[in-house]
Protein backbone atom coordinates (compact mmCIF):
# COMPACT_ATOMS: atom_id res chain seq x y z
CA MET A 1 0.04 -0.31 0.32
CA ALA A 2 1.47 3.26 -0.78
CA PRO A 3 -1.67 5.63 -1.09
CA LEU A 4 0.71 9.09 -1.91
CA ALA A 5 2.20 6.99 -4.76
CA ASP A 6 -0.85 5.66 -6.18
CA PHE A 7 -2.94 9.10 -6.11
CA ILE A 8 0.24 10.83 -7.77
CA LEU A 9 0.37 8.13 -10.22
CA ARG A 10 -3.59 8.22 -10.66
CA HIS A 11 -4.17 12.29 -10.91
CA VAL A 12 -1.19 14.17 -11.93
CA PRO A 13 -0.59 13.83 -15.52
CA ILE A 14 2.71 12.14 -16.17
CA PRO A 15 3.63 11.52 -19.84
CA GLN A 16 5.27 8.55 -21.53
CA ILE A 17 9.19 8.32 -19.50
CA PRO A 18 11.53 5.46 -21.20
CA TYR A 19 12.16 2.31 -19.46
CA HIS A 20 15.73 4.37 -18.65
CA TYR A 21 14.63 6.89 -16.37
CA THR A 22 12.56 4.99 -14.03
CA HIS A 23 15.21 2.20 -14.15
CA TYR A 24 18.83 2.26 -13.11
CA VAL A 25 20.30 1.19 -16.62
CA ARG A 26 23.73 2.49 -16.26
CA GLY A 27 25.61 3.56 -19.89
CA ALA A 28 21.89 4.77 -20.75
CA THR A 29 20.52 6.71 -17.77
CA PRO A 30 21.23 10.29 -17.52
CA LEU A 31 24.64 10.79 -15.20
CA SER A 32 25.23 6.72 -14.88
CA THR A 33 28.72 6.13 -16.21
CA GLN A 34 31.56 7.63 -14.47
CA PRO A 35 33.54 9.63 -17.05
CA VAL A 36 30.14 11.58 -17.71
CA VAL A 37 29.89 12.06 -14.10
CA LEU A 38 33.63 13.40 -13.12
CA SER A 39 32.78 15.67 -16.66
CA VAL A 40 29.68 17.25 -15.17
CA LEU A 41 31.71 17.84 -11.29
CA ALA A 42 34.62 19.04 -12.80
CA ALA A 43 32.38 21.47 -14.81
CA TYR A 44 31.03 22.49 -11.93
CA LEU A 45 33.93 23.54 -10.13
CA ALA A 46 35.28 25.15 -13.23
CA THR A 47 31.86 27.09 -13.14
CA ILE A 48 32.00 28.49 -9.73
CA PHE A 49 34.98 29.37 -9.40
CA GLY A 50 35.22 31.31 -12.42
CA ILE A 51 31.85 32.78 -11.03
CA ARG A 52 33.70 33.57 -8.05
CA GLU A 53 36.64 35.17 -10.54
CA PHE A 54 34.27 37.19 -12.78
CA MET A 55 32.51 38.66 -9.68
CA LYS A 56 35.67 40.07 -8.21
CA THR A 57 35.53 43.48 -10.04
CA ARG A 58 31.24 43.32 -10.05
CA GLN A 59 29.07 43.80 -7.00
CA PRO A 60 27.43 41.21 -5.79
CA GLN A 61 23.84 39.82 -6.64
CA LYS A 62 20.71 40.06 -4.34
CA LEU A 63 18.59 37.57 -6.32
CA THR A 64 16.49 36.54 -3.83
CA PHE A 65 13.35 35.72 -5.48
CA LEU A 66 15.02 33.10 -7.24
CA PHE A 67 17.04 32.41 -4.42
CA GLN A 68 14.05 31.80 -2.54
CA VAL A 69 12.05 29.73 -5.58
CA HIS A 70 14.95 26.90 -5.86
CA ASN A 71 15.18 26.74 -1.50
CA ALA A 72 11.70 26.47 -1.47
CA LEU A 73 11.41 23.83 -4.59
CA LEU A 74 14.10 21.95 -3.02
CA SER A 75 12.58 22.28 0.67
CA SER A 76 9.02 20.71 -0.60
CA GLY A 77 10.26 18.45 -3.14
CA SER A 78 12.41 16.58 0.12
CA ALA A 79 9.54 16.03 1.82
CA LEU A 80 7.28 14.55 -0.92
CA LEU A 81 10.33 12.33 -1.24
CA LEU A 82 10.97 11.40 1.92
CA ALA A 83 7.01 10.88 2.57
CA LEU A 84 7.28 8.29 -0.82
CA MET A 85 10.51 7.04 0.41
CA LEU A 86 9.03 5.97 3.75
CA GLU A 87 5.02 4.86 2.63
CA GLU A 88 7.30 2.33 0.68
CA ILE A 89 9.64 1.23 2.94
CA VAL A 90 7.77 1.33 6.25
CA PRO A 91 5.34 -1.90 5.24
CA ILE A 92 8.83 -3.74 4.22
CA TYR A 93 10.49 -2.94 8.06
CA TRP A 94 7.23 -3.93 9.61
CA LYS A 95 6.75 -6.83 7.89
CA HIS A 96 9.54 -8.33 7.36
CA GLY A 97 12.59 -6.60 10.06
CA THR A 98 15.36 -4.16 10.83
CA PHE A 99 17.89 -6.36 9.00
CA TYR A 100 15.68 -7.63 6.02
CA ALA A 101 14.40 -3.57 5.15
CA LEU A 102 18.33 -2.63 5.39
CA CYS A 103 20.47 -5.39 3.73
CA ASN A 104 17.67 -7.64 1.55
CA ALA A 105 18.31 -7.37 -2.27
CA LYS A 106 14.24 -7.49 -2.09
CA ALA A 107 14.35 -4.44 0.10
CA TRP A 108 16.01 -2.68 -3.58
CA THR A 109 11.92 -2.47 -5.10
CA GLU A 110 10.96 -0.83 -8.46
CA ARG A 111 9.73 2.29 -7.02
CA MET A 112 12.59 2.83 -4.56
CA GLU A 113 15.07 2.75 -7.32
CA VAL A 114 12.90 5.59 -9.45
CA TYR A 115 13.23 7.08 -5.63
CA TYR A 116 16.76 6.37 -5.29
CA ILE A 117 17.31 8.19 -9.27
CA ILE A 118 15.31 11.21 -8.09
CA ASN A 119 17.31 11.59 -5.24
CA TYR A 120 20.11 11.39 -6.97
CA PHE A 121 18.87 14.12 -10.25
CA ILE A 122 18.44 16.59 -7.20
CA LYS A 123 21.38 16.43 -6.17
CA TYR A 124 22.72 17.90 -9.28
CA VAL A 125 20.24 20.60 -8.71
CA GLU A 126 21.64 21.09 -5.13
CA LEU A 127 24.63 21.79 -7.18
CA LEU A 128 23.03 25.44 -7.70
CA ASP A 129 23.45 26.22 -3.91
CA THR A 130 27.08 27.61 -4.95
CA VAL A 131 26.23 29.13 -8.06
CA PHE A 132 24.28 31.34 -6.12
CA LEU A 133 26.89 32.20 -2.99
CA ALA A 134 29.31 33.04 -6.14
CA LEU A 135 27.11 35.51 -7.72
CA LYS A 136 26.46 36.78 -4.20
CA LYS A 137 29.96 37.03 -3.25
CA LYS A 138 30.01 34.78 -1.22
CA PRO A 139 32.64 32.44 0.83
CA LEU A 140 33.15 28.87 -1.09
CA ALA A 141 34.10 27.05 2.11
CA PHE A 142 35.54 23.81 1.43
CA LEU A 143 33.10 21.82 2.95
CA HIS A 144 30.22 23.35 1.22
CA VAL A 145 31.97 22.63 -2.35
CA TYR A 146 33.17 19.34 -0.79
CA HIS A 147 30.07 18.42 0.16
CA HIS A 148 28.47 18.83 -2.74
CA SER A 149 29.94 17.37 -4.92
CA ALA A 150 31.22 14.65 -3.21
CA THR A 151 27.67 13.00 -2.09
CA ALA A 152 26.74 13.70 -6.20
CA PHE A 153 29.52 11.25 -6.76
CA LEU A 154 28.53 8.73 -3.62
CA CYS A 155 24.92 8.64 -5.29
CA PHE A 156 26.23 7.56 -8.16
CA THR A 157 28.36 5.22 -6.60
CA GLN A 158 25.20 3.43 -4.53
CA LEU A 159 23.15 3.22 -7.36
CA ASN A 160 25.68 1.18 -9.85
CA GLY A 161 26.46 -0.68 -6.07
CA LYS A 162 22.94 -1.02 -5.75
CA THR A 163 23.11 -1.17 -1.94
CA SER A 164 19.68 -1.85 -0.20
CA ILE A 165 20.61 0.08 2.76
CA SER A 166 20.55 3.67 0.94
CA TRP A 167 17.07 4.13 1.73
CA ALA A 168 18.16 4.48 5.42
CA VAL A 169 21.03 7.16 4.80
CA ILE A 170 19.08 9.18 2.11
CA THR A 171 15.72 9.18 3.84
CA GLN A 172 17.65 11.43 7.14
CA ASN A 173 19.38 13.69 4.49
CA LEU A 174 15.61 14.78 3.11
CA ALA A 175 14.48 15.18 6.62
CA VAL A 176 17.12 17.61 7.59
CA HIS A 177 17.21 19.15 3.65
CA VAL A 178 13.21 19.98 4.26
CA LEU A 179 14.25 21.72 7.41
CA MET A 180 18.09 23.51 5.89
CA TYR A 181 15.97 24.77 2.78
CA TYR A 182 13.05 26.37 4.73
CA TYR A 183 15.68 27.91 7.11
CA TYR A 184 17.59 29.59 3.77
CA PHE A 185 14.27 30.22 2.42
CA ALA A 186 12.43 32.28 4.99
CA THR A 187 15.89 33.94 6.39
CA ALA A 188 16.18 35.37 2.28
CA GLY A 189 12.98 36.87 2.75
CA GLY A 190 14.21 38.73 6.33
CA ALA A 191 12.35 36.10 8.86
CA LYS A 192 14.77 35.51 12.45
CA ILE A 193 14.81 31.38 13.17
CA TRP A 194 16.46 30.99 16.36
CA TRP A 195 17.19 27.05 16.04
CA LYS A 196 19.42 27.25 12.84
CA LYS A 197 22.41 26.35 15.32
CA TYR A 198 20.60 23.02 15.48
CA LEU A 199 21.10 22.85 11.68
CA THR A 200 24.50 21.96 12.51
CA THR A 201 24.08 19.48 15.39
CA MET A 202 21.16 17.93 13.22
CA GLN A 203 23.80 16.93 10.47
CA ILE A 204 26.13 16.00 12.90
CA VAL A 205 24.10 13.26 14.43
CA GLN A 206 22.37 11.79 11.49
CA PHE A 207 26.80 11.18 10.18
CA ILE A 208 26.46 9.52 13.82
CA VAL A 209 23.75 7.21 12.40
CA ASP A 210 24.72 6.98 9.32
CA LEU A 211 27.87 5.22 10.30
CA HIS A 212 26.35 2.98 12.22
CA LEU A 213 24.32 1.37 9.67
CA VAL A 214 26.92 1.30 7.22
CA TYR A 215 29.83 0.41 9.30
CA PHE A 216 27.19 -2.54 10.09
CA GLY A 217 25.99 -3.05 6.97
CA THR A 218 29.74 -3.64 5.75
CA TYR A 219 29.99 -5.89 8.63
CA SER A 220 27.50 -7.75 7.46
CA TYR A 221 28.90 -8.08 3.89
CA PHE A 222 32.15 -8.61 4.72
CA SER A 223 31.96 -11.03 7.67
CA SER A 224 29.09 -13.21 5.42
CA THR A 225 31.11 -13.42 2.98
CA TYR A 226 35.17 -13.83 3.29
CA TRP A 227 34.91 -14.70 7.72
CA PRO A 228 32.34 -16.58 8.26
CA GLU A 229 33.30 -17.53 11.18
CA LEU A 230 32.77 -14.02 12.78
CA PRO A 231 28.92 -13.63 14.12
CA SER A 232 26.83 -11.83 11.75
CA LEU A 233 23.09 -11.81 11.00
CA GLY A 234 24.03 -12.41 7.33
CA ASN A 235 25.18 -10.94 4.28
CA CYS A 236 23.88 -7.01 3.07
CA ASN A 237 23.12 -6.22 -0.47
CA GLY A 238 25.74 -3.99 -2.53
CA THR A 239 28.87 -4.17 -3.88
CA GLU A 240 32.29 -4.01 -1.84
CA SER A 241 33.18 -1.21 -3.85
CA ALA A 242 30.45 0.99 -3.14
CA ALA A 243 30.44 0.16 0.51
CA VAL A 244 33.82 0.94 1.16
CA PHE A 245 33.41 4.11 -0.49
CA GLY A 246 30.44 4.97 1.80
CA CYS A 247 32.24 4.65 4.68
CA ALA A 248 34.80 6.47 4.00
CA LEU A 249 33.34 9.37 2.60
CA LEU A 250 30.47 9.48 5.59
CA SER A 251 33.43 9.40 7.85
CA SER A 252 34.75 12.47 6.27
CA TYR A 253 31.94 14.20 6.41
CA LEU A 254 31.35 13.96 10.54
CA LEU A 255 35.05 14.90 11.03
CA LEU A 256 34.27 18.35 9.07
CA PHE A 257 31.39 18.78 10.39
CA ILE A 258 32.56 18.04 13.63
CA LYS A 259 35.04 20.60 12.64
CA PHE A 260 32.95 23.29 11.49
CA TYR A 261 30.25 23.27 14.33
CA ILE A 262 33.65 23.33 17.15
CA ASP A 263 34.96 26.34 14.58
CA THR A 264 31.63 27.87 14.62
CA TYR A 265 29.90 27.99 18.12
CA LYS A 266 32.85 26.93 20.40
CA LYS A 267 35.52 29.42 19.50
CA PRO A 268 34.93 31.93 16.93
CA ALA A 269 38.14 34.17 15.74
CA ARG A 270 39.25 36.92 18.30
CA GLY A 271 37.82 40.24 16.91
CA LYS A 272 35.02 38.73 14.06
CA LYS A 273 32.01 37.69 14.51
CA PRO A 274 31.04 34.19 15.32
CA ILE A 275 30.65 32.09 12.12
CA THR A 276 26.50 30.61 12.38
CA ASN A 277 25.04 28.08 10.30
CA GLY A 278 25.01 29.54 7.12
CA HIS A 279 26.92 32.55 7.65
CA ALA A 280 30.44 33.17 7.87
CA ASN A 281 31.50 36.83 9.14
CA GLY A 282 28.34 37.53 7.76
CA ASN A 283 28.52 35.82 4.58
CA GLY A 284 26.32 32.94 3.84
CA PHE A 285 27.18 29.37 2.57
CA LYS A 286 24.78 26.20 2.85
CA ASN A 287 26.99 23.58 4.83
CA GLU A 288 24.26 20.69 3.00
């Protein structure tokens, strides 16, 4: 039962979509080969740093309306995708239990694959965050640029690896994004929001939970495949390369966000305003 997805399919006029847009077919689905993905991400880096150089002798652009539209779409889109994923995976979790939902290949349903593809494409839309920052002459912080580009590549690797545990990481990320993009939408319009500090806390908690899950899934895979004498609940679906890359990248995210939190809220530079979530000495940048 997926009432929201069924309602959309019944009442929203969706044109006939080719198979490779609703199923991940490497080489046919857009952005599904490593050379293409790396080329797009290289173009992203060249674009944002090119804009930064171009804007050095020009006045910053306000772009308030476009910025608000961008954030409103990402906040509402994240909420819709989160609801669709949960109504698909929760019945599987309820019927078969935690390990099955996280690790069984059958938890990678056709609809979940569609949602994974949509989430992957959204990561490229989110790259516009940095374009806005560059046009506004805001700092292009390493954490922001690294996180945006690496997350797109992470989603690509997990689609290739058909990592069944993906939904547990993505749903948390979507929940954070609902609030984060709403925050940037609201503050761009002049709203004062008291909970901005807690966005970074939520992101850190998210990565801690993510790491417990992905290390558990990776351990399950390697122990059942190579060391059956070790205690294990069974295999966890996905490829070795996707599992190892996911563990390494999420570990780096946790360390970088903890450092950001300490630098921002625990030890502001002397003589400067504290960096707040989204603002560095008065200049905004997104963390995620």
